[in-house]
Amino acid sequence: MQGLLRPEQFATDSASQEEVIDHVLENTPMPGDGIVVLLQPTSPLRKAAHIDEAVELLWRSHVHSVVSVVPSHVLLWHGETFEPDALYPVYKRPNRQQMRLQWEENGAIYAFTLASWLTYHNRIGKRRLLYAMSDEHRLQVDGLHELAWAHMSLLKPEEL
């Protein structure tokens, strides 16, 4: 394994993950049957076993990609705050228990084949599987509040 410094143009809030992946793959020798694993640092609650399981799932299932997810029962809205569109039937608002199972990407693990990347130029290929993680792995650190939660989550009970 080798390190690779990220150029300034890829160290901004506007740089896409795909641009960064391109940069890494262009500067890292890799066999044609290689597997790429993207571990976003903003999703720190995954364990080594989760990574191993996701890669094993990718390898064993012969799919293009595996994406880590957590169960979700959120009722989402789209658009501006004035007259937004609900992404559910507003006049038949479902109870959480009655909702169809939904999955939310948690950003913890994206595993994909190099061949899939070269074909689709995306971390999520055409044939994909979801790697389900428990709700405790939902946290994504986008600010100081989430960073504090991550720190608390990683403490042992006797350290609280």
Protein backbone atom coordinates (compact mmCIF):
# COMPACT_ATOMS: atom_id res chain seq x y z
CA MET A 1 0.00 0.00 0.00
CA GLN A 2 1.28 3.46 -0.82
CA GLY A 3 0.20 6.97 0.06
CA LEU A 4 -0.86 9.56 -2.48
CA LEU A 5 -1.11 13.26 -1.76
CA ARG A 6 -4.36 14.87 -2.87
CA PRO A 7 -3.76 17.93 -5.10
CA GLU A 8 -5.39 21.20 -4.02
CA GLN A 9 -8.06 21.07 -6.74
CA PHE A 10 -9.38 17.83 -5.20
CA ALA A 11 -9.27 19.12 -1.61
CA THR A 12 -12.27 21.43 -1.90
CA ASP A 13 -15.95 21.17 -0.99
CA SER A 14 -16.82 21.27 -4.69
CA ALA A 15 -14.53 18.40 -5.78
CA SER A 16 -16.50 15.24 -6.50
CA GLN A 17 -15.56 11.83 -5.18
CA GLU A 18 -15.42 10.66 -8.79
CA GLU A 19 -12.69 13.21 -9.58
CA VAL A 20 -10.69 12.03 -6.58
CA ILE A 21 -11.15 8.37 -7.54
CA ASP A 22 -9.98 9.19 -11.08
CA HIS A 23 -6.89 10.89 -9.68
CA VAL A 24 -6.06 7.94 -7.44
CA LEU A 25 -6.60 5.33 -10.16
CA GLU A 26 -4.54 7.31 -12.70
CA ASN A 27 -1.64 7.44 -10.24
CA THR A 28 -1.83 3.99 -8.67
CA PRO A 29 -0.92 0.80 -10.53
CA MET A 30 -3.72 -1.72 -10.17
CA PRO A 31 -4.46 -5.12 -11.74
CA GLY A 32 -7.38 -5.25 -14.18
CA ASP A 33 -9.38 -7.47 -11.84
CA GLY A 34 -8.76 -5.15 -8.89
CA ILE A 35 -11.27 -4.02 -6.31
CA VAL A 36 -11.49 -0.41 -5.18
CA VAL A 37 -12.78 0.41 -1.69
CA LEU A 38 -13.78 3.97 -0.86
CA LEU A 39 -13.99 4.69 2.88
CA GLN A 40 -15.26 8.20 3.48
CA PRO A 41 -13.71 9.72 6.60
CA THR A 42 -17.01 11.47 7.36
CA SER A 43 -18.51 8.04 8.18
CA PRO A 44 -16.16 6.87 10.93
CA LEU A 45 -18.25 4.27 12.76
CA ARG A 46 -17.53 1.30 10.52
CA LYS A 47 -15.32 -1.54 11.76
CA ALA A 48 -12.72 -3.60 9.91
CA ALA A 49 -15.18 -6.52 9.88
CA HIS A 50 -17.70 -4.39 7.96
CA ILE A 51 -15.11 -3.64 5.27
CA ASP A 52 -14.12 -7.31 5.03
CA GLU A 53 -17.76 -8.39 4.76
CA ALA A 54 -18.57 -5.83 2.06
CA VAL A 55 -15.55 -6.82 -0.04
CA GLU A 56 -16.36 -10.51 0.43
CA LEU A 57 -19.94 -9.81 -0.70
CA LEU A 58 -18.65 -8.04 -3.81
CA TRP A 59 -16.21 -10.84 -4.61
CA ARG A 60 -18.62 -13.71 -3.91
CA SER A 61 -21.64 -12.19 -5.69
CA HIS A 62 -19.89 -11.15 -8.93
CA VAL A 63 -21.60 -7.76 -8.96
CA HIS A 64 -20.13 -4.41 -10.00
CA SER A 65 -20.46 -2.69 -6.65
CA VAL A 66 -21.50 -2.93 -3.02
CA VAL A 67 -22.81 0.11 -1.15
CA SER A 68 -23.22 0.33 2.63
CA VAL A 69 -26.66 1.42 3.80
CA VAL A 70 -28.77 1.77 6.92
CA PRO A 71 -32.55 1.29 7.22
CA SER A 72 -34.55 4.48 6.82
CA HIS A 73 -38.11 5.51 7.60
CA VAL A 74 -37.87 9.19 6.81
CA LEU A 75 -40.55 11.23 5.07
CA LEU A 76 -38.74 13.46 2.61
CA TRP A 77 -39.67 16.68 0.87
CA HIS A 78 -38.16 18.16 -2.28
CA GLY A 79 -37.81 21.75 -3.43
CA GLU A 80 -37.97 25.11 -1.70
CA THR A 81 -39.62 25.70 1.66
CA PHE A 82 -42.62 27.39 0.01
CA GLU A 83 -44.94 24.83 -1.62
CA PRO A 84 -42.46 21.94 -1.62
CA ASP A 85 -43.22 18.53 -3.07
CA ALA A 86 -43.53 15.58 -0.73
CA LEU A 87 -41.83 12.39 -1.82
CA TYR A 88 -44.70 10.39 -0.33
CA PRO A 89 -48.52 10.57 -0.66
CA VAL A 90 -49.33 13.56 1.60
CA TYR A 91 -53.02 12.71 1.98
CA LYS A 92 -52.26 9.07 2.75
CA ARG A 93 -49.34 9.78 5.07
CA PRO A 94 -47.92 6.41 6.11
CA ASN A 95 -47.09 5.48 9.67
CA ARG A 96 -43.45 4.55 10.13
CA GLN A 97 -44.44 0.92 10.78
CA GLN A 98 -46.41 0.78 7.51
CA MET A 99 -43.71 2.23 5.29
CA ARG A 100 -42.05 0.15 2.67
CA LEU A 101 -38.47 -0.62 3.65
CA GLN A 102 -36.09 2.07 2.43
CA TRP A 103 -32.32 2.19 2.57
CA GLU A 104 -30.13 5.23 3.05
CA GLU A 105 -26.50 5.34 1.95
CA ASN A 106 -24.38 5.98 5.01
CA GLY A 107 -21.13 6.71 3.16
CA ALA A 108 -19.17 4.17 5.19
CA ILE A 109 -18.21 1.71 2.41
CA TYR A 110 -18.27 1.77 -1.37
CA ALA A 111 -16.60 -1.29 -2.90
CA PHE A 112 -16.47 -1.69 -6.66
CA THR A 113 -14.48 -3.43 -9.34
CA LEU A 114 -11.96 -1.55 -11.43
CA ALA A 115 -13.68 -2.95 -14.54
CA SER A 116 -16.98 -1.44 -13.38
CA TRP A 117 -15.32 1.94 -12.79
CA LEU A 118 -13.80 1.90 -16.28
CA THR A 119 -17.23 1.04 -17.76
CA TYR A 120 -19.59 3.29 -15.77
CA HIS A 121 -17.19 5.89 -14.36
CA ASN A 122 -19.15 5.72 -11.13
CA ARG A 123 -18.64 4.02 -7.79
CA ILE A 124 -22.07 2.41 -8.18
CA GLY A 125 -22.24 -0.01 -11.10
CA LYS A 126 -25.20 -1.45 -12.94
CA ARG A 127 -25.23 -4.72 -10.97
CA ARG A 128 -25.07 -3.77 -7.31
CA LEU A 129 -25.84 -5.02 -3.86
CA LEU A 130 -26.56 -3.21 -0.63
CA TYR A 131 -24.50 -4.00 2.44
CA ALA A 132 -26.92 -3.42 5.31
CA MET A 133 -25.47 -1.95 8.48
CA SER A 134 -27.34 -1.32 11.72
CA ASP A 135 -28.84 2.05 12.53
CA GLU A 136 -25.96 2.84 14.90
CA HIS A 137 -23.75 3.23 11.81
CA ARG A 138 -25.88 6.02 10.32
CA LEU A 139 -23.76 8.93 11.56
CA GLN A 140 -22.10 11.12 8.93
CA VAL A 141 -19.83 13.87 10.21
CA ASP A 142 -20.57 17.15 8.44
CA GLY A 143 -20.03 19.54 11.36
CA LEU A 144 -18.89 19.89 14.95
CA HIS A 145 -22.15 18.51 16.36
CA GLU A 146 -21.76 15.23 14.47
CA LEU A 147 -18.06 15.10 15.38
CA ALA A 148 -19.03 15.25 19.06
CA TRP A 149 -21.54 12.42 18.52
CA ALA A 150 -18.89 10.34 16.74
CA HIS A 151 -16.49 10.87 19.63
CA MET A 152 -19.14 9.81 22.16
CA SER A 153 -20.02 6.74 20.06
CA LEU A 154 -16.41 5.58 20.01
CA LEU A 155 -15.87 5.89 23.78
CA LYS A 156 -16.02 2.79 25.95
CA PRO A 157 -18.78 2.84 28.61
CA GLU A 158 -16.25 3.37 31.39
CA GLU A 159 -14.93 6.47 29.58
CA LEU A 160 -18.31 8.21 29.50
